[in-house]
Amino acid sequence: MKKQLTFEDGILLCKLIYQSAIDKILKGVIEEEQIFYKTHKMLNKLNIKLNNKRIDELLYILNIENIYSII
């Protein structure tokens, strides 16, 4: 049986990818924290909260073990 992904699932994945990418790419850059919070604020306007359990389910469905390592 194939699982259907929702728009909210896509937003959750985008938030996770954005946060991981900012953390990985800007490590040690002075503006890292400012960029992270601006991005987080922008994504919060979509009114979809991070749900760690659902993120784990999505990563399992998409067969992604460690999203941080593929960015």
PDB file of N, CA and C in Angstrom:
ATOM      1  N   MET A   1       0.836  -1.175   0.000  1.00  0.00           N
ATOM      2  CA  MET A   1       0.000   0.000   0.000  1.00  0.00           C
ATOM      3  C   MET A   1       0.889   1.249   0.000  1.00  0.00           C
ATOM      4  N   LYS A   2       0.600   2.180  -0.870  1.00  0.00           N
ATOM      5  CA  LYS A   2       1.376   3.399  -1.002  1.00  0.00           C
ATOM      6  C   LYS A   2       0.798   4.480  -0.089  1.00  0.00           C
ATOM      7  N   LYS A   3       1.671   5.112   0.686  1.00  0.00           N
ATOM      8  CA  LYS A   3       1.236   6.186   1.578  1.00  0.00           C
ATOM      9  C   LYS A   3       1.117   7.482   0.796  1.00  0.00           C
ATOM     10  N   GLN A   4       0.075   8.236   1.064  1.00  0.00           N
ATOM     11  CA  GLN A   4      -0.129   9.531   0.431  1.00  0.00           C
ATOM     12  C   GLN A   4       0.487  10.619   1.306  1.00  0.00           C
ATOM     13  N   LEU A   5       1.247  11.496   0.684  1.00  0.00           N
ATOM     14  CA  LEU A   5       1.826  12.612   1.409  1.00  0.00           C
ATOM     15  C   LEU A   5       0.933  13.837   1.227  1.00  0.00           C
ATOM     16  N   THR A   6       0.876  14.650   2.252  1.00  0.00           N
ATOM     17  CA  THR A   6       0.040  15.845   2.219  1.00  0.00           C
ATOM     18  C   THR A   6       0.895  17.089   1.991  1.00  0.00           C
ATOM     19  N   PHE A   7       0.229  18.199   1.744  1.00  0.00           N
ATOM     20  CA  PHE A   7       0.914  19.483   1.626  1.00  0.00           C
ATOM     21  C   PHE A   7       1.686  19.781   2.912  1.00  0.00           C
ATOM     22  N   GLU A   8       1.058  19.500   4.055  1.00  0.00           N
ATOM     23  CA  GLU A   8       1.700  19.729   5.348  1.00  0.00           C
ATOM     24  C   GLU A   8       2.962  18.886   5.489  1.00  0.00           C
ATOM     25  N   ASP A   9       2.928  17.655   4.964  1.00  0.00           N
ATOM     26  CA  ASP A   9       4.118  16.806   4.987  1.00  0.00           C
ATOM     27  C   ASP A   9       5.256  17.464   4.206  1.00  0.00           C
ATOM     28  N   GLY A  10       4.915  18.041   3.071  1.00  0.00           N
ATOM     29  CA  GLY A  10       5.917  18.729   2.255  1.00  0.00           C
ATOM     30  C   GLY A  10       6.513  19.915   2.983  1.00  0.00           C
ATOM     31  N   ILE A  11       5.672  20.660   3.675  1.00  0.00           N
ATOM     32  CA  ILE A  11       6.148  21.812   4.437  1.00  0.00           C
ATOM     33  C   ILE A  11       7.052  21.357   5.575  1.00  0.00           C
ATOM     34  N   LEU A  12       6.669  20.279   6.254  1.00  0.00           N
ATOM     35  CA  LEU A  12       7.518  19.746   7.324  1.00  0.00           C
ATOM     36  C   LEU A  12       8.897  19.374   6.791  1.00  0.00           C
ATOM     37  N   LEU A  13       8.917  18.710   5.646  1.00  0.00           N
ATOM     38  CA  LEU A  13      10.198  18.331   5.048  1.00  0.00           C
ATOM     39  C   LEU A  13      11.003  19.561   4.640  1.00  0.00           C
ATOM     40  N   CYS A  14      10.340  20.562   4.092  1.00  0.00           N
ATOM     41  CA  CYS A  14      11.027  21.807   3.710  1.00  0.00           C
ATOM     42  C   CYS A  14      11.646  22.479   4.927  1.00  0.00           C
ATOM     43  N   LYS A  15      10.887  22.526   6.022  1.00  0.00           N
ATOM     44  CA  LYS A  15      11.413  23.137   7.238  1.00  0.00           C
ATOM     45  C   LYS A  15      12.643  22.387   7.723  1.00  0.00           C
ATOM     46  N   LEU A  16      12.578  21.072   7.719  1.00  0.00           N
ATOM     47  CA  LEU A  16      13.704  20.263   8.172  1.00  0.00           C
ATOM     48  C   LEU A  16      14.918  20.459   7.270  1.00  0.00           C
ATOM     49  N   ILE A  17      14.705  20.452   5.965  1.00  0.00           N
ATOM     50  CA  ILE A  17      15.802  20.645   5.015  1.00  0.00           C
ATOM     51  C   ILE A  17      16.408  22.035   5.187  1.00  0.00           C
ATOM     52  N   TYR A  18      15.570  23.057   5.291  1.00  0.00           N
ATOM     53  CA  TYR A  18      16.048  24.432   5.470  1.00  0.00           C
ATOM     54  C   TYR A  18      16.890  24.548   6.727  1.00  0.00           C
ATOM     55  N   GLN A  19      16.372  24.036   7.826  1.00  0.00           N
ATOM     56  CA  GLN A  19      17.087  24.138   9.094  1.00  0.00           C
ATOM     57  C   GLN A  19      18.402  23.375   9.049  1.00  0.00           C
ATOM     58  N   SER A  20      18.387  22.194   8.469  1.00  0.00           N
ATOM     59  CA  SER A  20      19.606  21.399   8.359  1.00  0.00           C
ATOM     60  C   SER A  20      20.623  22.072   7.452  1.00  0.00           C
ATOM     61  N   ALA A  21      20.154  22.617   6.336  1.00  0.00           N
ATOM     62  CA  ALA A  21      21.055  23.278   5.390  1.00  0.00           C
ATOM     63  C   ALA A  21      21.685  24.517   6.010  1.00  0.00           C
ATOM     64  N   ILE A  22      20.897  25.314   6.693  1.00  0.00           N
ATOM     65  CA  ILE A  22      21.436  26.511   7.335  1.00  0.00           C
ATOM     66  C   ILE A  22      22.471  26.118   8.373  1.00  0.00           C
ATOM     67  N   ASP A  23      22.163  25.111   9.162  1.00  0.00           N
ATOM     68  CA  ASP A  23      23.094  24.652  10.183  1.00  0.00           C
ATOM     69  C   ASP A  23      24.391  24.153   9.559  1.00  0.00           C
ATOM     70  N   LYS A  24      24.280  23.392   8.492  1.00  0.00           N
ATOM     71  CA  LYS A  24      25.458  22.786   7.873  1.00  0.00           C
ATOM     72  C   LYS A  24      26.276  23.793   7.058  1.00  0.00           C
ATOM     73  N   ILE A  25      25.623  24.605   6.262  1.00  0.00           N
ATOM     74  CA  ILE A  25      26.316  25.516   5.354  1.00  0.00           C
ATOM     75  C   ILE A  25      26.891  26.723   6.083  1.00  0.00           C
ATOM     76  N   LEU A  26      26.162  27.246   7.044  1.00  0.00           N
ATOM     77  CA  LEU A  26      26.583  28.481   7.695  1.00  0.00           C
ATOM     78  C   LEU A  26      27.284  28.255   9.027  1.00  0.00           C
ATOM     79  N   LYS A  27      27.727  27.046   9.285  1.00  0.00           N
ATOM     80  CA  LYS A  27      28.384  26.730  10.550  1.00  0.00           C
ATOM     81  C   LYS A  27      29.534  27.702  10.789  1.00  0.00           C
ATOM     82  N   GLY A  28      29.420  28.465  11.857  1.00  0.00           N
ATOM     83  CA  GLY A  28      30.483  29.387  12.225  1.00  0.00           C
ATOM     84  C   GLY A  28      30.390  30.763  11.588  1.00  0.00           C
ATOM     85  N   VAL A  29      29.479  30.960  10.640  1.00  0.00           N
ATOM     86  CA  VAL A  29      29.310  32.269  10.013  1.00  0.00           C
ATOM     87  C   VAL A  29      28.584  33.185  11.006  1.00  0.00           C
ATOM     88  N   ILE A  30      29.048  34.403  11.115  1.00  0.00           N
ATOM     89  CA  ILE A  30      28.498  35.341  12.097  1.00  0.00           C
ATOM     90  C   ILE A  30      26.985  35.494  11.957  1.00  0.00           C
ATOM     91  N   GLU A  31      26.488  35.539  10.729  1.00  0.00           N
ATOM     92  CA  GLU A  31      25.062  35.774  10.494  1.00  0.00           C
ATOM     93  C   GLU A  31      24.211  34.512  10.598  1.00  0.00           C
ATOM     94  N   GLU A  32      24.801  33.382  10.955  1.00  0.00           N
ATOM     95  CA  GLU A  32      24.075  32.107  10.976  1.00  0.00           C
ATOM     96  C   GLU A  32      22.801  32.185  11.812  1.00  0.00           C
ATOM     97  N   GLU A  33      22.915  32.681  13.021  1.00  0.00           N
ATOM     98  CA  GLU A  33      21.758  32.721  13.914  1.00  0.00           C
ATOM     99  C   GLU A  33      20.665  33.637  13.358  1.00  0.00           C
ATOM    100  N   GLN A  34      21.063  34.784  12.833  1.00  0.00           N
ATOM    101  CA  GLN A  34      20.101  35.734  12.267  1.00  0.00           C
ATOM    102  C   GLN A  34      19.367  35.111  11.084  1.00  0.00           C
ATOM    103  N   ILE A  35      20.093  34.454  10.194  1.00  0.00           N
ATOM    104  CA  ILE A  35      19.485  33.811   9.027  1.00  0.00           C
ATOM    105  C   ILE A  35      18.557  32.685   9.467  1.00  0.00           C
ATOM    106  N   PHE A  36      18.998  31.893  10.440  1.00  0.00           N
ATOM    107  CA  PHE A  36      18.190  30.785  10.941  1.00  0.00           C
ATOM    108  C   PHE A  36      16.854  31.298  11.479  1.00  0.00           C
ATOM    109  N   TYR A  37      16.893  32.333  12.310  1.00  0.00           N
ATOM    110  CA  TYR A  37      15.658  32.842  12.911  1.00  0.00           C
ATOM    111  C   TYR A  37      14.748  33.517  11.891  1.00  0.00           C
ATOM    112  N   LYS A  38      15.317  34.215  10.918  1.00  0.00           N
ATOM    113  CA  LYS A  38      14.486  34.818   9.868  1.00  0.00           C
ATOM    114  C   LYS A  38      13.782  33.730   9.062  1.00  0.00           C
ATOM    115  N   THR A  39      14.515  32.678   8.747  1.00  0.00           N
ATOM    116  CA  THR A  39      13.938  31.561   7.997  1.00  0.00           C
ATOM    117  C   THR A  39      12.855  30.876   8.820  1.00  0.00           C
ATOM    118  N   HIS A  40      13.155  30.631  10.086  1.00  0.00           N
ATOM    119  CA  HIS A  40      12.201  29.979  10.972  1.00  0.00           C
ATOM    120  C   HIS A  40      10.925  30.821  11.093  1.00  0.00           C
ATOM    121  N   LYS A  41      11.084  32.132  11.218  1.00  0.00           N
ATOM    122  CA  LYS A  41       9.933  33.040  11.320  1.00  0.00           C
ATOM    123  C   LYS A  41       9.089  32.986  10.046  1.00  0.00           C
ATOM    124  N   MET A  42       9.766  32.968   8.893  1.00  0.00           N
ATOM    125  CA  MET A  42       9.061  32.905   7.616  1.00  0.00           C
ATOM    126  C   MET A  42       8.270  31.597   7.494  1.00  0.00           C
ATOM    127  N   LEU A  43       8.899  30.483   7.847  1.00  0.00           N
ATOM    128  CA  LEU A  43       8.227  29.189   7.748  1.00  0.00           C
ATOM    129  C   LEU A  43       7.081  29.070   8.747  1.00  0.00           C
ATOM    130  N   ASN A  44       7.197  29.720   9.893  1.00  0.00           N
ATOM    131  CA  ASN A  44       6.113  29.684  10.881  1.00  0.00           C
ATOM    132  C   ASN A  44       4.861  30.381  10.382  1.00  0.00           C
ATOM    133  N   LYS A  45       5.006  31.289   9.432  1.00  0.00           N
ATOM    134  CA  LYS A  45       3.838  31.968   8.862  1.00  0.00           C
ATOM    135  C   LYS A  45       2.920  30.977   8.146  1.00  0.00           C
ATOM    136  N   LEU A  46       3.471  29.822   7.781  1.00  0.00           N
ATOM    137  CA  LEU A  46       2.652  28.785   7.149  1.00  0.00           C
ATOM    138  C   LEU A  46       1.784  28.063   8.173  1.00  0.00           C
ATOM    139  N   ASN A  47       2.022  28.352   9.463  1.00  0.00           N
ATOM    140  CA  ASN A  47       1.221  27.820  10.560  1.00  0.00           C
ATOM    141  C   ASN A  47       1.232  26.293  10.626  1.00  0.00           C
ATOM    142  N   ILE A  48       2.370  25.709  10.329  1.00  0.00           N
ATOM    143  CA  ILE A  48       2.533  24.259  10.448  1.00  0.00           C
ATOM    144  C   ILE A  48       3.682  24.009  11.411  1.00  0.00           C
ATOM    145  N   LYS A  49       3.374  23.387  12.529  1.00  0.00           N
ATOM    146  CA  LYS A  49       4.366  23.155  13.572  1.00  0.00           C
ATOM    147  C   LYS A  49       5.187  21.906  13.259  1.00  0.00           C
ATOM    148  N   LEU A  50       6.463  21.942  13.664  1.00  0.00           N
ATOM    149  CA  LEU A  50       7.307  20.764  13.506  1.00  0.00           C
ATOM    150  C   LEU A  50       6.766  19.648  14.384  1.00  0.00           C
ATOM    151  N   ASN A  51       6.656  18.477  13.809  1.00  0.00           N
ATOM    152  CA  ASN A  51       6.168  17.307  14.514  1.00  0.00           C
ATOM    153  C   ASN A  51       7.212  16.216  14.311  1.00  0.00           C
ATOM    154  N   ASN A  52       8.049  16.022  15.329  1.00  0.00           N
ATOM    155  CA  ASN A  52       9.171  15.095  15.186  1.00  0.00           C
ATOM    156  C   ASN A  52       8.732  13.674  14.847  1.00  0.00           C
ATOM    157  N   LYS A  53       7.610  13.242  15.413  1.00  0.00           N
ATOM    158  CA  LYS A  53       7.127  11.891  15.113  1.00  0.00           C
ATOM    159  C   LYS A  53       6.759  11.780  13.633  1.00  0.00           C
ATOM    160  N   ARG A  54       6.062  12.792  13.114  1.00  0.00           N
ATOM    161  CA  ARG A  54       5.670  12.772  11.695  1.00  0.00           C
ATOM    162  C   ARG A  54       6.895  12.888  10.795  1.00  0.00           C
ATOM    163  N   ILE A  55       7.863  13.687  11.186  1.00  0.00           N
ATOM    164  CA  ILE A  55       9.090  13.798  10.393  1.00  0.00           C
ATOM    165  C   ILE A  55       9.779  12.445  10.306  1.00  0.00           C
ATOM    166  N   ASP A  56       9.865  11.741  11.430  1.00  0.00           N
ATOM    167  CA  ASP A  56      10.464  10.401  11.415  1.00  0.00           C
ATOM    168  C   ASP A  56       9.705   9.469  10.474  1.00  0.00           C
ATOM    169  N   GLU A  57       8.370   9.547  10.498  1.00  0.00           N
ATOM    170  CA  GLU A  57       7.551   8.724   9.604  1.00  0.00           C
ATOM    171  C   GLU A  57       7.822   9.071   8.141  1.00  0.00           C
ATOM    172  N   LEU A  58       7.910  10.371   7.843  1.00  0.00           N
ATOM    173  CA  LEU A  58       8.161  10.804   6.463  1.00  0.00           C
ATOM    174  C   LEU A  58       9.529  10.348   5.977  1.00  0.00           C
ATOM    175  N   LEU A  59      10.528  10.487   6.823  1.00  0.00           N
ATOM    176  CA  LEU A  59      11.870  10.050   6.440  1.00  0.00           C
ATOM    177  C   LEU A  59      11.889   8.543   6.192  1.00  0.00           C
ATOM    178  N   TYR A  60      11.127   7.795   6.985  1.00  0.00           N
ATOM    179  CA  TYR A  60      11.026   6.351   6.782  1.00  0.00           C
ATOM    180  C   TYR A  60      10.321   6.047   5.457  1.00  0.00           C
ATOM    181  N   ILE A  61       9.199   6.723   5.200  1.00  0.00           N
ATOM    182  CA  ILE A  61       8.447   6.514   3.958  1.00  0.00           C
ATOM    183  C   ILE A  61       9.319   6.811   2.745  1.00  0.00           C
ATOM    184  N   LEU A  62      10.106   7.886   2.833  1.00  0.00           N
ATOM    185  CA  LEU A  62      10.956   8.301   1.713  1.00  0.00           C
ATOM    186  C   LEU A  62      12.314   7.598   1.705  1.00  0.00           C
ATOM    187  N   ASN A  63      12.509   6.697   2.668  1.00  0.00           N
ATOM    188  CA  ASN A  63      13.739   5.916   2.773  1.00  0.00           C
ATOM    189  C   ASN A  63      14.974   6.822   2.901  1.00  0.00           C
ATOM    190  N   ILE A  64      14.859   7.803   3.778  1.00  0.00           N
ATOM    191  CA  ILE A  64      15.965   8.711   4.057  1.00  0.00           C
ATOM    192  C   ILE A  64      16.395   8.479   5.502  1.00  0.00           C
ATOM    193  N   GLU A  65      17.626   8.007   5.676  1.00  0.00           N
ATOM    194  CA  GLU A  65      18.102   7.716   7.025  1.00  0.00           C
ATOM    195  C   GLU A  65      18.583   8.971   7.748  1.00  0.00           C
ATOM    196  N   ASN A  66      19.329   9.808   7.040  1.00  0.00           N
ATOM    197  CA  ASN A  66      19.911  10.984   7.670  1.00  0.00           C
ATOM    198  C   ASN A  66      19.875  12.140   6.688  1.00  0.00           C
ATOM    199  N   ILE A  67      18.893  12.986   6.827  1.00  0.00           N
ATOM    200  CA  ILE A  67      18.722  14.086   5.876  1.00  0.00           C
ATOM    201  C   ILE A  67      19.897  15.060   5.945  1.00  0.00           C
ATOM    202  N   TYR A  68      20.497  15.195   7.113  1.00  0.00           N
ATOM    203  CA  TYR A  68      21.629  16.105   7.286  1.00  0.00           C
ATOM    204  C   TYR A  68      22.807  15.683   6.409  1.00  0.00           C
ATOM    205  N   SER A  69      22.998  14.398   6.251  1.00  0.00           N
ATOM    206  CA  SER A  69      24.150  13.914   5.478  1.00  0.00           C
ATOM    207  C   SER A  69      23.959  14.044   3.967  1.00  0.00           C
ATOM    208  N   ILE A  70      22.720  14.199   3.490  1.00  0.00           N
ATOM    209  CA  ILE A  70      22.514  14.292   2.037  1.00  0.00           C
ATOM    210  C   ILE A  70      22.413  15.723   1.541  1.00  0.00           C
ATOM    211  N   ILE A  71      22.464  16.666   2.461  1.00  0.00           N
ATOM    212  CA  ILE A  71      22.399  18.080   2.057  1.00  0.00           C
ATOM    213  C   ILE A  71      23.775  18.533   1.633  1.00  0.00           C
TER     214      ILE A  71
END
